[in-house]
Amino acid sequence: MNPISVVIADDQALVRAGLAALLDLEPDIRVVAQVGDGREAVAAVTSQHVDVALLDVEMPVLDGLEATREITAGGSGTRCLIVTTFDRPGYLRRALEAGASGFVVKDTPAEQLAEAIRRVHAGLRAIDPAVAEESLVAGANPLTQREQDVLRESANGASAKRIAAALHLSPGTVRNHLSSAIGKTGVQNRSEAAALALRNGWI
């Protein structure tokens, strides 16, 4: 039987190398590429046969969730497994919506990560149970896509005017989205709304 071919996408070289070294000890898993961002992950999947792509969430150029969306939409048959430091419940929901087959955190023991890869390759799901429980407790993301966009810009310290310019909206529309997001998150201001949204992985 051919080994399971794996691409590792993580913007930290030491993490990539560490994961590759651990997985190469498994007789049925072969790391065929290590890349530093989501765009390179999509390119690796396109250029060669890859059974499973291991993707971090927060990467430059193209993040792991968007890379997952492109890979699963590309028809290559490659399955995506999110491997991240951030066990935010919103990330799990967004990963599954993007087409990911699994979601585990980076402190998962090596043998469990290898087993997650095997499960995903076999067409099954592999989801960290603690993150799954948190996701159920936190509930669904209440924010619309525009509210997420506005809060994401706000989290970076942008003023309403700068947010409006970046998103091609009027300042009044931006303020309306911020007000709605504040109301939905049950906090006092936009800074608290952005912080809560980040903490839950909604943005």
Protein backbone atom coordinates (compact mmCIF):
# COMPACT_ATOMS: atom_id res chain seq x y z
CA MET A 1 0.00 0.00 0.00
CA ASN A 2 1.31 3.47 -0.88
CA PRO A 3 2.05 5.73 2.09
CA ILE A 4 -0.26 8.65 2.81
CA SER A 5 1.30 11.71 1.16
CA VAL A 6 1.19 14.84 3.32
CA VAL A 7 1.92 18.55 2.85
CA ILE A 8 2.66 20.63 5.95
CA ALA A 9 1.77 24.33 5.80
CA ASP A 10 2.93 26.49 8.71
CA ASP A 11 4.64 29.88 8.77
CA GLN A 12 7.03 28.75 11.53
CA ALA A 13 9.94 26.76 10.08
CA LEU A 14 10.70 24.99 13.36
CA VAL A 15 7.10 23.80 13.67
CA ARG A 16 7.11 22.52 10.07
CA ALA A 17 10.37 20.68 10.59
CA GLY A 18 9.24 19.23 13.91
CA LEU A 19 5.98 17.92 12.52
CA ALA A 20 7.74 16.49 9.48
CA ALA A 21 10.33 14.70 11.64
CA LEU A 22 7.64 13.15 13.81
CA LEU A 23 5.45 12.07 10.89
CA ASP A 24 8.36 10.61 8.94
CA LEU A 25 8.72 8.08 11.75
CA GLU A 26 5.34 6.64 10.75
CA PRO A 27 5.75 3.83 8.17
CA ASP A 28 2.52 4.68 6.35
CA ILE A 29 2.93 8.50 6.17
CA ARG A 30 5.26 10.43 3.87
CA VAL A 31 5.76 14.22 4.01
CA VAL A 32 6.14 15.34 0.40
CA ALA A 33 6.36 19.13 0.95
CA GLN A 34 6.75 21.77 3.66
CA VAL A 35 5.50 25.29 2.89
CA GLY A 36 5.22 28.59 4.74
CA ASP A 37 1.82 29.97 3.72
CA GLY A 38 -1.58 29.01 2.39
CA ARG A 39 -0.88 30.07 -1.18
CA GLU A 40 2.14 27.76 -1.32
CA ALA A 41 -0.01 24.96 0.14
CA VAL A 42 -2.55 25.35 -2.67
CA ALA A 43 0.29 25.33 -5.21
CA ALA A 44 1.81 22.18 -3.68
CA VAL A 45 -1.51 20.36 -3.88
CA THR A 46 -1.95 21.48 -7.48
CA SER A 47 1.52 20.42 -8.60
CA GLN A 48 1.71 16.94 -7.08
CA HIS A 49 -0.40 14.17 -5.58
CA VAL A 50 -1.25 14.99 -1.98
CA ASP A 51 -3.58 12.91 0.16
CA VAL A 52 -3.75 15.17 3.22
CA ALA A 53 -2.81 18.84 3.72
CA LEU A 54 -1.94 19.90 7.28
CA LEU A 55 -2.71 23.60 7.58
CA ASP A 56 -2.13 26.16 10.31
CA VAL A 57 -4.87 28.80 10.62
CA GLU A 58 -2.89 32.04 10.88
CA MET A 59 -0.44 32.25 7.96
CA PRO A 60 0.63 35.10 5.66
CA VAL A 61 -0.50 35.59 2.05
CA LEU A 62 -3.42 33.16 2.44
CA ASP A 63 -4.57 31.82 5.79
CA GLY A 64 -5.28 28.16 6.47
CA LEU A 65 -9.05 28.49 6.32
CA GLU A 66 -9.05 30.17 2.91
CA ALA A 67 -6.43 27.70 1.67
CA THR A 68 -8.71 24.88 2.83
CA ARG A 69 -11.59 26.42 0.91
CA GLU A 70 -9.51 26.61 -2.29
CA ILE A 71 -8.07 23.12 -1.92
CA THR A 72 -11.40 21.42 -1.29
CA ALA A 73 -13.02 23.37 -4.14
CA GLY A 74 -10.20 22.44 -6.52
CA GLY A 75 -11.31 18.86 -7.00
CA SER A 76 -7.91 17.31 -6.26
CA GLY A 77 -9.32 14.96 -3.64
CA THR A 78 -6.85 16.26 -1.07
CA ARG A 79 -8.33 16.29 2.42
CA CYS A 80 -7.52 19.13 4.80
CA LEU A 81 -6.61 18.80 8.47
CA ILE A 82 -6.25 22.02 10.47
CA VAL A 83 -3.37 21.85 12.98
CA THR A 84 -3.28 25.04 15.03
CA THR A 85 -2.18 26.64 18.28
CA PHE A 86 -5.52 28.42 18.54
CA ASP A 87 -8.28 26.21 19.95
CA ARG A 88 -10.93 28.88 19.40
CA PRO A 89 -14.38 27.36 18.86
CA GLY A 90 -15.17 29.75 16.00
CA TYR A 91 -12.13 28.49 14.11
CA LEU A 92 -13.52 24.95 14.21
CA ARG A 93 -16.85 26.05 12.76
CA ARG A 94 -15.16 28.13 10.07
CA ALA A 95 -12.79 25.28 9.22
CA LEU A 96 -15.64 22.81 8.76
CA GLU A 97 -17.57 25.34 6.68
CA ALA A 98 -14.47 25.74 4.48
CA GLY A 99 -14.40 21.98 3.90
CA ALA A 100 -11.83 20.75 6.44
CA SER A 101 -12.07 17.11 7.45
CA GLY A 102 -10.33 17.57 10.78
CA PHE A 103 -9.19 20.03 13.44
CA VAL A 104 -6.52 19.37 16.08
CA VAL A 105 -4.27 21.54 18.23
CA LYS A 106 -0.49 21.57 17.98
CA ASP A 107 0.10 20.02 21.39
CA THR A 108 -1.66 16.86 20.24
CA PRO A 109 0.65 13.85 20.85
CA ALA A 110 2.41 12.61 17.72
CA GLU A 111 0.62 9.28 17.67
CA GLN A 112 -2.76 11.01 17.88
CA LEU A 113 -1.83 13.38 15.04
CA ALA A 114 -0.78 10.42 12.90
CA GLU A 115 -4.07 8.70 13.68
CA ALA A 116 -5.97 11.91 12.78
CA ILE A 117 -4.21 11.91 9.40
CA ARG A 118 -5.21 8.27 8.84
CA ARG A 119 -8.83 9.00 9.76
CA VAL A 120 -9.03 12.02 7.47
CA HIS A 121 -7.40 10.05 4.64
CA ALA A 122 -10.00 7.32 5.13
CA GLY A 123 -12.82 9.83 4.67
CA LEU A 124 -13.62 10.21 8.36
CA ARG A 125 -13.54 13.26 10.61
CA ALA A 126 -10.85 13.91 13.21
CA ILE A 127 -11.79 16.69 15.63
CA ASP A 128 -10.22 17.54 18.97
CA PRO A 129 -12.97 16.67 21.49
CA ALA A 130 -12.20 19.60 23.80
CA VAL A 131 -12.51 22.11 20.94
CA ALA A 132 -15.71 20.42 19.76
CA GLU A 133 -17.20 20.80 23.25
CA GLU A 134 -16.16 24.46 23.42
CA SER A 135 -17.75 25.06 20.05
CA LEU A 136 -21.06 23.65 21.26
CA VAL A 137 -20.94 25.80 24.39
CA ALA A 138 -20.01 28.99 22.52
CA GLY A 139 -22.72 28.55 19.92
CA ALA A 140 -22.78 29.76 16.34
CA ASN A 141 -21.13 32.96 15.17
CA PRO A 142 -23.87 35.63 15.42
CA LEU A 143 -22.09 38.14 13.18
CA THR A 144 -22.86 38.72 9.52
CA GLN A 145 -19.99 38.65 7.04
CA ARG A 146 -19.93 42.45 6.84
CA GLU A 147 -19.91 42.76 10.64
CA GLN A 148 -16.97 40.35 10.73
CA ASP A 149 -15.14 42.39 8.10
CA VAL A 150 -15.72 45.64 9.98
CA LEU A 151 -14.68 44.16 13.35
CA ARG A 152 -11.56 42.63 11.80
CA GLU A 153 -10.49 46.08 10.59
CA SER A 154 -11.46 47.60 13.92
CA ALA A 155 -9.33 45.05 15.78
CA ASN A 156 -6.33 46.44 13.91
CA GLY A 157 -7.03 49.90 15.32
CA ALA A 158 -8.57 51.43 12.22
CA SER A 159 -10.94 54.39 12.55
CA ALA A 160 -14.44 54.28 11.08
CA LYS A 161 -13.22 56.44 8.20
CA ARG A 162 -10.31 54.10 7.43
CA ILE A 163 -12.56 51.05 7.73
CA ALA A 164 -14.99 52.65 5.30
CA ALA A 165 -12.21 53.28 2.79
CA ALA A 166 -10.78 49.79 3.13
CA LEU A 167 -14.14 48.06 2.69
CA HIS A 168 -15.62 50.53 0.17
CA LEU A 169 -18.46 51.47 2.50
CA SER A 170 -19.74 54.79 3.80
CA PRO A 171 -18.67 55.80 7.33
CA GLY A 172 -22.33 55.69 8.37
CA THR A 173 -22.68 52.10 7.18
CA VAL A 174 -19.54 51.16 9.08
CA ARG A 175 -20.93 52.70 12.26
CA ASN A 176 -24.19 50.79 11.77
CA HIS A 177 -22.31 47.49 11.40
CA LEU A 178 -20.21 48.26 14.48
CA SER A 179 -23.31 49.12 16.49
CA SER A 180 -25.00 45.89 15.40
CA ALA A 181 -21.92 43.84 16.28
CA ILE A 182 -21.73 45.47 19.72
CA GLY A 183 -25.39 44.64 20.34
CA LYS A 184 -25.01 41.01 19.23
CA THR A 185 -21.93 40.41 21.37
CA GLY A 186 -23.45 42.08 24.43
CA VAL A 187 -20.47 44.31 25.16
CA GLN A 188 -19.98 48.04 25.70
CA ASN A 189 -17.91 49.18 22.74
CA ARG A 190 -16.29 48.14 19.49
CA SER A 191 -12.95 47.29 21.11
CA GLU A 192 -14.66 44.79 23.40
CA ALA A 193 -16.68 43.41 20.48
CA ALA A 194 -13.52 42.88 18.40
CA ALA A 195 -11.72 41.27 21.35
CA LEU A 196 -14.62 38.87 21.99
CA ALA A 197 -14.87 38.02 18.30
CA LEU A 198 -11.13 37.29 18.15
CA ARG A 199 -11.27 35.20 21.33
CA ASN A 200 -14.07 33.06 19.90
CA GLY A 201 -12.47 32.77 16.47
CA TRP A 202 -15.34 34.58 14.76
CA ILE A 203 -12.92 36.88 12.92
